[in-house]
Amino acid sequence: MSDTSPILDLPYLAPAQAQKHVTVNEALTRLDILARLSVRGFAATTPPETPQEGETHALGAGPTGDWAGQDDRIACFTDGAWLFIAPRDGWLAVTEGGEARVWTEGAWRGIGLGAATAGRLGVNASADADNPLAVGGEATLLTHDGGDHRLKINKAGGASTASVLFQTDWTGRAEMGLAGSNHWSIKVSAGGSAWTTALLIDAGTGRASGAAVQAAPDDATRASSCERTTATAPQRSSARCRKTAAPPPAPRSRAARPARAPTPASRMARRSVT
């Protein structure tokens, strides 16, 4: 029979053993560390100068100081000294900040769902029935795996909605996608209740319509766009705007002056020439 348990390496009591409390206390200490393994961080290499009782770290490669030679071990400060424990496959450790990793294939790795299906998942946010996937943070990254990357939003039927909704303080302000039809559109709202279709692309013809599309040569949309264009870059105003602009005023003509009769001196000059 082994002297320790097969999973947590807890020491067993021997028959007629003296000072049984020493063995029992050692087993309780290891159990206290491993039952709910909480660490300050992963891949630690430098021990703290003044560790606290019970402080635990998941060490990385090449640790120094009091941790030298204890690569990849769990280091716990107890009874004034460091206790080192070798992790085993399947052990779970969680940092005080909530990061969870599992020891597998010789390293602490992030937990993956694999083939499992989660009903709800919240990443720094609370998921609910309406939002089974919730992510809280400054940004969300979706990247390629060596090639292309496409984001797919699928809806059940033509009357359903597949869109991206932009909100301010949980109130809708803009939406783009297939909103209630198969025509792609952009809608905007000033207060979240009344919505204006700024742009709609017909799925069959590809033609555009909406409040942002010019309906006639003299409509408000065209006039305002010409004003903005000429105001910001008059030297590059579009030909369309130039055609609708008022023609420039005709230059003023000078009044015709009556011809003056030649003077006697000029008549004599002409006569002498001839």
C-alpha atoms as a PDB file:
ATOM      1  CA  MET A   1       0.000   0.000   0.000  1.00  0.00           C
ATOM      2  CA  SER A   2       1.256   3.469  -0.869  1.00  0.00           C
ATOM      3  CA  ASP A   3       2.065   5.981   1.858  1.00  0.00           C
ATOM      4  CA  THR A   4       0.071   8.720   0.084  1.00  0.00           C
ATOM      5  CA  SER A   5      -3.307   9.085  -1.624  1.00  0.00           C
ATOM      6  CA  PRO A   6      -3.335   8.604  -5.426  1.00  0.00           C
ATOM      7  CA  ILE A   7      -4.762  12.009  -6.402  1.00  0.00           C
ATOM      8  CA  LEU A   8      -3.742  14.699  -3.910  1.00  0.00           C
ATOM      9  CA  ASP A   9      -0.726  12.916  -2.405  1.00  0.00           C
ATOM     10  CA  LEU A  10      -2.150  13.182   1.091  1.00  0.00           C
ATOM     11  CA  PRO A  11      -0.027  11.195   3.567  1.00  0.00           C
ATOM     12  CA  TYR A  12      -1.575   8.146   5.201  1.00  0.00           C
ATOM     13  CA  LEU A  13      -1.218   7.202   8.834  1.00  0.00           C
ATOM     14  CA  ALA A  14       0.905   4.119   9.449  1.00  0.00           C
ATOM     15  CA  PRO A  15      -0.096   1.435  11.954  1.00  0.00           C
ATOM     16  CA  ALA A  16       1.133   2.238  15.459  1.00  0.00           C
ATOM     17  CA  GLN A  17       2.619   5.477  14.165  1.00  0.00           C
ATOM     18  CA  ALA A  18       3.981   7.911  16.712  1.00  0.00           C
ATOM     19  CA  GLN A  19       3.115  11.598  16.539  1.00  0.00           C
ATOM     20  CA  LYS A  20       0.115  11.014  14.294  1.00  0.00           C
ATOM     21  CA  HIS A  21      -0.796  14.678  14.479  1.00  0.00           C
ATOM     22  CA  VAL A  22       2.204  15.580  12.302  1.00  0.00           C
ATOM     23  CA  THR A  23       0.971  13.423   9.431  1.00  0.00           C
ATOM     24  CA  VAL A  24      -2.613  14.543   9.866  1.00  0.00           C
ATOM     25  CA  ASN A  25      -1.633  18.218   9.861  1.00  0.00           C
ATOM     26  CA  GLU A  26       0.468  17.745   6.732  1.00  0.00           C
ATOM     27  CA  ALA A  27      -2.475  16.144   4.962  1.00  0.00           C
ATOM     28  CA  LEU A  28      -4.829  18.924   6.076  1.00  0.00           C
ATOM     29  CA  THR A  29      -2.396  21.580   4.828  1.00  0.00           C
ATOM     30  CA  ARG A  30      -2.223  20.050   1.342  1.00  0.00           C
ATOM     31  CA  LEU A  31      -5.995  19.615   1.302  1.00  0.00           C
ATOM     32  CA  ASP A  32      -6.461  23.243   2.312  1.00  0.00           C
ATOM     33  CA  ILE A  33      -4.341  24.332  -0.660  1.00  0.00           C
ATOM     34  CA  LEU A  34      -5.716  22.010  -3.328  1.00  0.00           C
ATOM     35  CA  ALA A  35      -9.416  21.663  -2.466  1.00  0.00           C
ATOM     36  CA  ARG A  36     -10.200  25.041  -4.051  1.00  0.00           C
ATOM     37  CA  LEU A  37      -6.927  26.038  -5.687  1.00  0.00           C
ATOM     38  CA  SER A  38      -6.628  29.842  -5.801  1.00  0.00           C
ATOM     39  CA  VAL A  39      -3.376  31.398  -7.064  1.00  0.00           C
ATOM     40  CA  ARG A  40      -2.015  34.926  -7.342  1.00  0.00           C
ATOM     41  CA  GLY A  41      -1.056  34.335 -10.949  1.00  0.00           C
ATOM     42  CA  PHE A  42       0.350  31.926 -13.527  1.00  0.00           C
ATOM     43  CA  ALA A  43       3.904  31.480 -14.846  1.00  0.00           C
ATOM     44  CA  ALA A  44       5.399  33.248 -11.798  1.00  0.00           C
ATOM     45  CA  THR A  45       9.197  33.191 -11.588  1.00  0.00           C
ATOM     46  CA  THR A  46      10.170  35.630  -8.824  1.00  0.00           C
ATOM     47  CA  PRO A  47       9.086  34.999  -5.217  1.00  0.00           C
ATOM     48  CA  PRO A  48       7.700  37.947  -3.242  1.00  0.00           C
ATOM     49  CA  GLU A  49       9.969  39.556  -0.656  1.00  0.00           C
ATOM     50  CA  THR A  50       7.387  39.342   2.151  1.00  0.00           C
ATOM     51  CA  PRO A  51       4.919  36.564   1.341  1.00  0.00           C
ATOM     52  CA  GLN A  52       1.732  36.233   3.347  1.00  0.00           C
ATOM     53  CA  GLU A  53       0.596  33.027   5.022  1.00  0.00           C
ATOM     54  CA  GLY A  54      -1.317  30.948   2.506  1.00  0.00           C
ATOM     55  CA  GLU A  55      -0.102  32.928  -0.512  1.00  0.00           C
ATOM     56  CA  THR A  56      -0.061  30.599  -3.534  1.00  0.00           C
ATOM     57  CA  HIS A  57       1.500  30.918  -6.998  1.00  0.00           C
ATOM     58  CA  ALA A  58       1.495  28.751 -10.127  1.00  0.00           C
ATOM     59  CA  LEU A  59       5.151  28.791 -11.160  1.00  0.00           C
ATOM     60  CA  GLY A  60       6.487  28.943 -14.691  1.00  0.00           C
ATOM     61  CA  ALA A  61       9.790  27.890 -16.215  1.00  0.00           C
ATOM     62  CA  GLY A  62      13.078  29.016 -14.644  1.00  0.00           C
ATOM     63  CA  PRO A  63      11.941  30.407 -11.283  1.00  0.00           C
ATOM     64  CA  THR A  64      14.557  32.115  -9.120  1.00  0.00           C
ATOM     65  CA  GLY A  65      15.355  32.647  -5.461  1.00  0.00           C
ATOM     66  CA  ASP A  66      13.503  30.374  -3.049  1.00  0.00           C
ATOM     67  CA  TRP A  67      11.656  28.918  -6.037  1.00  0.00           C
ATOM     68  CA  ALA A  68      14.759  27.836  -7.962  1.00  0.00           C
ATOM     69  CA  GLY A  69      14.459  24.336  -9.410  1.00  0.00           C
ATOM     70  CA  GLN A  70      10.690  24.177  -8.856  1.00  0.00           C
ATOM     71  CA  ASP A  71       9.589  24.717 -12.450  1.00  0.00           C
ATOM     72  CA  ASP A  72       5.816  24.509 -13.063  1.00  0.00           C
ATOM     73  CA  ARG A  73       5.069  23.628  -9.432  1.00  0.00           C
ATOM     74  CA  ILE A  74       2.438  25.112  -7.175  1.00  0.00           C
ATOM     75  CA  ALA A  75       4.160  27.151  -4.470  1.00  0.00           C
ATOM     76  CA  CYS A  76       2.310  27.924  -1.252  1.00  0.00           C
ATOM     77  CA  PHE A  77       3.770  29.843   1.707  1.00  0.00           C
ATOM     78  CA  THR A  78       2.763  28.046   4.900  1.00  0.00           C
ATOM     79  CA  ASP A  79       4.282  27.865   8.375  1.00  0.00           C
ATOM     80  CA  GLY A  80       7.032  30.288   7.357  1.00  0.00           C
ATOM     81  CA  ALA A  81       8.281  28.278   4.357  1.00  0.00           C
ATOM     82  CA  TRP A  82       7.377  27.469   0.779  1.00  0.00           C
ATOM     83  CA  LEU A  83       5.597  24.186   0.114  1.00  0.00           C
ATOM     84  CA  PHE A  84       5.849  22.915  -3.472  1.00  0.00           C
ATOM     85  CA  ILE A  85       3.265  20.637  -5.086  1.00  0.00           C
ATOM     86  CA  ALA A  86       3.447  19.157  -8.581  1.00  0.00           C
ATOM     87  CA  PRO A  87       0.157  19.657 -10.471  1.00  0.00           C
ATOM     88  CA  ARG A  88      -1.607  16.781 -12.200  1.00  0.00           C
ATOM     89  CA  ASP A  89      -3.685  16.635 -15.377  1.00  0.00           C
ATOM     90  CA  GLY A  90      -7.156  18.005 -14.843  1.00  0.00           C
ATOM     91  CA  TRP A  91      -6.367  20.192 -11.848  1.00  0.00           C
ATOM     92  CA  LEU A  92      -8.128  23.550 -11.984  1.00  0.00           C
ATOM     93  CA  ALA A  93      -6.652  26.811 -10.679  1.00  0.00           C
ATOM     94  CA  VAL A  94      -8.344  30.207 -10.526  1.00  0.00           C
ATOM     95  CA  THR A  95      -6.687  33.571  -9.940  1.00  0.00           C
ATOM     96  CA  GLU A  96      -8.065  36.121  -7.524  1.00  0.00           C
ATOM     97  CA  GLY A  97      -9.192  38.090 -10.589  1.00  0.00           C
ATOM     98  CA  GLY A  98     -11.292  35.185 -11.877  1.00  0.00           C
ATOM     99  CA  GLU A  99      -9.021  33.771 -14.602  1.00  0.00           C
ATOM    100  CA  ALA A 100      -9.384  29.985 -14.709  1.00  0.00           C
ATOM    101  CA  ARG A 101      -6.880  27.532 -16.207  1.00  0.00           C
ATOM    102  CA  VAL A 102      -6.511  23.790 -16.188  1.00  0.00           C
ATOM    103  CA  TRP A 103      -3.255  21.820 -16.021  1.00  0.00           C
ATOM    104  CA  THR A 104      -2.996  19.701 -19.156  1.00  0.00           C
ATOM    105  CA  GLU A 105      -0.194  18.559 -21.449  1.00  0.00           C
ATOM    106  CA  GLY A 106       2.437  19.999 -19.121  1.00  0.00           C
ATOM    107  CA  ALA A 107       1.101  23.564 -18.883  1.00  0.00           C
ATOM    108  CA  TRP A 108      -1.645  25.710 -17.403  1.00  0.00           C
ATOM    109  CA  ARG A 109      -4.046  26.317 -20.288  1.00  0.00           C
ATOM    110  CA  GLY A 110      -7.262  28.264 -20.739  1.00  0.00           C
ATOM    111  CA  ILE A 111     -10.470  26.335 -20.402  1.00  0.00           C
ATOM    112  CA  GLY A 112     -12.169  25.522 -23.701  1.00  0.00           C
ATOM    113  CA  LEU A 113     -15.734  24.326 -24.155  1.00  0.00           C
ATOM    114  CA  GLY A 114     -14.629  21.821 -26.798  1.00  0.00           C
ATOM    115  CA  ALA A 115     -17.636  20.031 -28.285  1.00  0.00           C
ATOM    116  CA  ALA A 116     -19.863  21.001 -25.363  1.00  0.00           C
ATOM    117  CA  THR A 117     -22.749  23.415 -25.840  1.00  0.00           C
ATOM    118  CA  ALA A 118     -23.341  26.070 -23.215  1.00  0.00           C
ATOM    119  CA  GLY A 119     -26.869  27.374 -22.738  1.00  0.00           C
ATOM    120  CA  ARG A 120     -25.569  30.767 -21.608  1.00  0.00           C
ATOM    121  CA  LEU A 121     -22.142  32.340 -21.496  1.00  0.00           C
ATOM    122  CA  GLY A 122     -21.160  35.633 -19.909  1.00  0.00           C
ATOM    123  CA  VAL A 123     -17.664  37.071 -20.307  1.00  0.00           C
ATOM    124  CA  ASN A 124     -17.300  39.863 -17.765  1.00  0.00           C
ATOM    125  CA  ALA A 125     -21.074  40.343 -18.109  1.00  0.00           C
ATOM    126  CA  SER A 126     -24.310  38.609 -17.119  1.00  0.00           C
ATOM    127  CA  ALA A 127     -26.015  36.485 -19.764  1.00  0.00           C
ATOM    128  CA  ASP A 128     -29.804  36.065 -19.723  1.00  0.00           C
ATOM    129  CA  ALA A 129     -32.609  34.509 -21.767  1.00  0.00           C
ATOM    130  CA  ASP A 130     -32.661  37.381 -24.290  1.00  0.00           C
ATOM    131  CA  ASN A 131     -28.868  37.629 -24.455  1.00  0.00           C
ATOM    132  CA  PRO A 132     -27.457  34.101 -23.976  1.00  0.00           C
ATOM    133  CA  LEU A 133     -24.006  35.401 -24.986  1.00  0.00           C
ATOM    134  CA  ALA A 134     -22.869  38.558 -23.193  1.00  0.00           C
ATOM    135  CA  VAL A 135     -19.412  40.129 -23.385  1.00  0.00           C
ATOM    136  CA  GLY A 136     -18.304  43.149 -21.376  1.00  0.00           C
ATOM    137  CA  GLY A 137     -15.110  45.025 -22.265  1.00  0.00           C
ATOM    138  CA  GLU A 138     -13.504  47.777 -24.311  1.00  0.00           C
ATOM    139  CA  ALA A 139     -13.400  45.653 -27.480  1.00  0.00           C
ATOM    140  CA  THR A 140     -14.311  42.256 -28.912  1.00  0.00           C
ATOM    141  CA  LEU A 141     -11.842  40.558 -31.258  1.00  0.00           C
ATOM    142  CA  LEU A 142     -12.837  38.051 -33.942  1.00  0.00           C
ATOM    143  CA  THR A 143      -9.836  37.033 -36.033  1.00  0.00           C
ATOM    144  CA  HIS A 144      -8.894  34.603 -38.781  1.00  0.00           C
ATOM    145  CA  ASP A 145      -7.279  31.197 -38.371  1.00  0.00           C
ATOM    146  CA  GLY A 146      -4.870  31.477 -41.259  1.00  0.00           C
ATOM    147  CA  GLY A 147      -7.323  32.579 -43.959  1.00  0.00           C
ATOM    148  CA  ASP A 148     -10.651  34.334 -44.306  1.00  0.00           C
ATOM    149  CA  HIS A 149     -13.033  35.300 -41.521  1.00  0.00           C
ATOM    150  CA  ARG A 150     -16.765  35.977 -41.916  1.00  0.00           C
ATOM    151  CA  LEU A 151     -19.347  37.010 -39.339  1.00  0.00           C
ATOM    152  CA  LYS A 152     -22.686  35.287 -40.009  1.00  0.00           C
ATOM    153  CA  ILE A 153     -26.030  36.537 -38.678  1.00  0.00           C
ATOM    154  CA  ASN A 154     -28.839  34.158 -39.650  1.00  0.00           C
ATOM    155  CA  LYS A 155     -32.587  34.713 -39.265  1.00  0.00           C
ATOM    156  CA  ALA A 156     -35.529  32.318 -39.477  1.00  0.00           C
ATOM    157  CA  GLY A 157     -37.491  33.914 -42.329  1.00  0.00           C
ATOM    158  CA  GLY A 158     -38.079  36.983 -44.472  1.00  0.00           C
ATOM    159  CA  ALA A 159     -40.213  38.776 -41.873  1.00  0.00           C
ATOM    160  CA  SER A 160     -37.645  38.212 -39.119  1.00  0.00           C
ATOM    161  CA  THR A 161     -34.710  40.497 -38.339  1.00  0.00           C
ATOM    162  CA  ALA A 162     -30.963  39.951 -38.688  1.00  0.00           C
ATOM    163  CA  SER A 163     -29.221  43.210 -37.876  1.00  0.00           C
ATOM    164  CA  VAL A 164     -26.653  45.091 -35.821  1.00  0.00           C
ATOM    165  CA  LEU A 165     -28.203  47.520 -33.330  1.00  0.00           C
ATOM    166  CA  PHE A 166     -26.270  50.495 -31.949  1.00  0.00           C
ATOM    167  CA  GLN A 167     -27.437  51.850 -28.587  1.00  0.00           C
ATOM    168  CA  THR A 168     -26.758  54.751 -26.239  1.00  0.00           C
ATOM    169  CA  ASP A 169     -27.529  53.959 -22.604  1.00  0.00           C
ATOM    170  CA  TRP A 170     -29.491  50.884 -23.752  1.00  0.00           C
ATOM    171  CA  THR A 171     -31.674  52.916 -26.153  1.00  0.00           C
ATOM    172  CA  GLY A 172     -31.512  52.238 -29.888  1.00  0.00           C
ATOM    173  CA  ARG A 173     -30.008  54.961 -32.068  1.00  0.00           C
ATOM    174  CA  ALA A 174     -29.046  53.199 -35.313  1.00  0.00           C
ATOM    175  CA  GLU A 175     -29.606  49.788 -36.910  1.00  0.00           C
ATOM    176  CA  MET A 176     -28.318  48.185 -40.070  1.00  0.00           C
ATOM    177  CA  GLY A 177     -29.106  44.836 -41.644  1.00  0.00           C
ATOM    178  CA  LEU A 178     -32.203  42.910 -42.686  1.00  0.00           C
ATOM    179  CA  ALA A 179     -34.843  44.502 -40.449  1.00  0.00           C
ATOM    180  CA  GLY A 180     -38.192  42.765 -40.969  1.00  0.00           C
ATOM    181  CA  SER A 181     -37.513  42.013 -44.657  1.00  0.00           C
ATOM    182  CA  ASN A 182     -34.816  40.798 -47.017  1.00  0.00           C
ATOM    183  CA  HIS A 183     -33.914  44.344 -48.077  1.00  0.00           C
ATOM    184  CA  TRP A 184     -30.719  45.703 -46.523  1.00  0.00           C
ATOM    185  CA  SER A 185     -31.279  48.995 -44.725  1.00  0.00           C
ATOM    186  CA  ILE A 186     -29.841  51.582 -42.376  1.00  0.00           C
ATOM    187  CA  LYS A 187     -32.250  53.139 -39.885  1.00  0.00           C
ATOM    188  CA  VAL A 188     -31.624  55.961 -37.425  1.00  0.00           C
ATOM    189  CA  SER A 189     -33.489  57.341 -34.439  1.00  0.00           C
ATOM    190  CA  ALA A 190     -33.053  60.514 -32.413  1.00  0.00           C
ATOM    191  CA  GLY A 191     -34.761  59.188 -29.274  1.00  0.00           C
ATOM    192  CA  GLY A 192     -35.168  55.448 -29.742  1.00  0.00           C
ATOM    193  CA  SER A 193     -38.901  55.438 -30.494  1.00  0.00           C
ATOM    194  CA  ALA A 194     -39.358  56.999 -33.947  1.00  0.00           C
ATOM    195  CA  TRP A 195     -37.135  55.565 -36.677  1.00  0.00           C
ATOM    196  CA  THR A 196     -36.191  56.890 -40.116  1.00  0.00           C
ATOM    197  CA  THR A 197     -34.997  54.652 -42.948  1.00  0.00           C
ATOM    198  CA  ALA A 198     -31.956  56.551 -44.173  1.00  0.00           C
ATOM    199  CA  LEU A 199     -31.014  53.985 -46.814  1.00  0.00           C
ATOM    200  CA  LEU A 200     -32.695  50.870 -48.225  1.00  0.00           C
ATOM    201  CA  ILE A 201     -31.210  48.614 -50.912  1.00  0.00           C
ATOM    202  CA  ASP A 202     -33.817  46.563 -52.747  1.00  0.00           C
ATOM    203  CA  ALA A 203     -32.858  42.875 -52.693  1.00  0.00           C
ATOM    204  CA  GLY A 204     -34.226  42.291 -56.196  1.00  0.00           C
ATOM    205  CA  THR A 205     -33.126  45.350 -58.142  1.00  0.00           C
ATOM    206  CA  GLY A 206     -30.265  46.728 -56.098  1.00  0.00           C
ATOM    207  CA  ARG A 207     -31.780  50.196 -56.300  1.00  0.00           C
ATOM    208  CA  ALA A 208     -31.445  52.556 -53.365  1.00  0.00           C
ATOM    209  CA  SER A 209     -34.143  54.580 -51.654  1.00  0.00           C
ATOM    210  CA  GLY A 210     -34.618  56.340 -48.333  1.00  0.00           C
ATOM    211  CA  ALA A 211     -34.243  59.716 -46.700  1.00  0.00           C
ATOM    212  CA  ALA A 212     -30.564  59.963 -47.623  1.00  0.00           C
ATOM    213  CA  VAL A 213     -31.173  59.304 -51.337  1.00  0.00           C
ATOM    214  CA  GLN A 214     -31.894  62.142 -53.813  1.00  0.00           C
ATOM    215  CA  ALA A 215     -35.437  61.891 -55.168  1.00  0.00           C
ATOM    216  CA  ALA A 216     -35.373  64.849 -57.603  1.00  0.00           C
ATOM    217  CA  PRO A 217     -32.822  67.366 -58.923  1.00  0.00           C
ATOM    218  CA  ASP A 218     -34.114  70.093 -56.626  1.00  0.00           C
ATOM    219  CA  ASP A 219     -34.948  68.119 -53.462  1.00  0.00           C
ATOM    220  CA  ALA A 220     -33.640  69.050 -50.025  1.00  0.00           C
ATOM    221  CA  THR A 221     -31.147  66.180 -49.945  1.00  0.00           C
ATOM    222  CA  ARG A 222     -29.455  67.357 -53.140  1.00  0.00           C
ATOM    223  CA  ALA A 223     -29.437  71.022 -52.176  1.00  0.00           C
ATOM    224  CA  SER A 224     -27.956  70.346 -48.763  1.00  0.00           C
ATOM    225  CA  SER A 225     -25.275  68.062 -50.185  1.00  0.00           C
ATOM    226  CA  CYS A 226     -24.293  70.676 -52.772  1.00  0.00           C
ATOM    227  CA  GLU A 227     -24.094  73.332 -50.085  1.00  0.00           C
ATOM    228  CA  ARG A 228     -21.862  71.117 -47.932  1.00  0.00           C
ATOM    229  CA  THR A 229     -19.653  70.227 -50.887  1.00  0.00           C
ATOM    230  CA  THR A 230     -19.124  73.764 -52.130  1.00  0.00           C
ATOM    231  CA  ALA A 231     -18.684  75.095 -48.605  1.00  0.00           C
ATOM    232  CA  THR A 232     -15.903  72.654 -47.751  1.00  0.00           C
ATOM    233  CA  ALA A 233     -14.180  72.367 -51.136  1.00  0.00           C
ATOM    234  CA  PRO A 234     -15.453  74.931 -53.678  1.00  0.00           C
ATOM    235  CA  GLN A 235     -12.647  74.161 -56.115  1.00  0.00           C
ATOM    236  CA  ARG A 236     -13.734  70.500 -56.269  1.00  0.00           C
ATOM    237  CA  SER A 237     -17.534  70.925 -56.317  1.00  0.00           C
ATOM    238  CA  SER A 238     -19.291  68.264 -58.339  1.00  0.00           C
ATOM    239  CA  ALA A 239     -20.529  68.821 -61.887  1.00  0.00           C
ATOM    240  CA  ARG A 240     -24.026  68.034 -60.685  1.00  0.00           C
ATOM    241  CA  CYS A 241     -23.908  70.933 -58.232  1.00  0.00           C
ATOM    242  CA  ARG A 242     -22.452  73.254 -60.893  1.00  0.00           C
ATOM    243  CA  LYS A 243     -25.309  72.453 -63.277  1.00  0.00           C
ATOM    244  CA  THR A 244     -27.980  73.412 -60.760  1.00  0.00           C
ATOM    245  CA  ALA A 245     -26.202  76.540 -59.534  1.00  0.00           C
ATOM    246  CA  ALA A 246     -27.449  79.912 -60.745  1.00  0.00           C
ATOM    247  CA  PRO A 247     -25.579  81.184 -63.823  1.00  0.00           C
ATOM    248  CA  PRO A 248     -23.001  83.864 -63.126  1.00  0.00           C
ATOM    249  CA  PRO A 249     -24.101  87.452 -63.832  1.00  0.00           C
ATOM    250  CA  ALA A 250     -23.275  88.816 -67.310  1.00  0.00           C
ATOM    251  CA  PRO A 251     -20.360  91.238 -67.349  1.00  0.00           C
ATOM    252  CA  ARG A 252     -21.357  94.868 -67.584  1.00  0.00           C
ATOM    253  CA  SER A 253     -20.643  96.403 -70.999  1.00  0.00           C
ATOM    254  CA  ARG A 254     -18.989  99.788 -71.258  1.00  0.00           C
ATOM    255  CA  ALA A 255     -20.970 102.585 -72.917  1.00  0.00           C
ATOM    256  CA  ALA A 256     -19.864 103.242 -76.525  1.00  0.00           C
ATOM    257  CA  ARG A 257     -17.917 106.405 -76.946  1.00  0.00           C
ATOM    258  CA  PRO A 258     -18.485 108.649 -80.100  1.00  0.00           C
ATOM    259  CA  ALA A 259     -15.581 108.790 -82.526  1.00  0.00           C
ATOM    260  CA  ARG A 260     -13.632 111.992 -82.368  1.00  0.00           C
ATOM    261  CA  ALA A 261     -13.042 114.038 -85.519  1.00  0.00           C
ATOM    262  CA  PRO A 262      -9.426 114.102 -86.671  1.00  0.00           C
ATOM    263  CA  THR A 263      -7.478 117.194 -85.755  1.00  0.00           C
ATOM    264  CA  PRO A 264      -5.841 119.451 -88.399  1.00  0.00           C
ATOM    265  CA  ALA A 265      -2.460 118.175 -87.335  1.00  0.00           C
ATOM    266  CA  SER A 266      -3.456 114.583 -87.944  1.00  0.00           C
ATOM    267  CA  ARG A 267      -4.878 115.495 -91.376  1.00  0.00           C
ATOM    268  CA  MET A 268      -1.628 117.153 -92.339  1.00  0.00           C
ATOM    269  CA  ALA A 269       0.366 114.112 -91.167  1.00  0.00           C
ATOM    270  CA  ARG A 270      -1.714 111.794 -93.337  1.00  0.00           C
ATOM    271  CA  ARG A 271      -1.388 114.166 -96.328  1.00  0.00           C
ATOM    272  CA  SER A 272       2.412 114.343 -96.012  1.00  0.00           C
ATOM    273  CA  VAL A 273       2.663 110.576 -95.849  1.00  0.00           C
ATOM    274  CA  THR A 274       0.752 110.168 -99.071  1.00  0.00           C
END
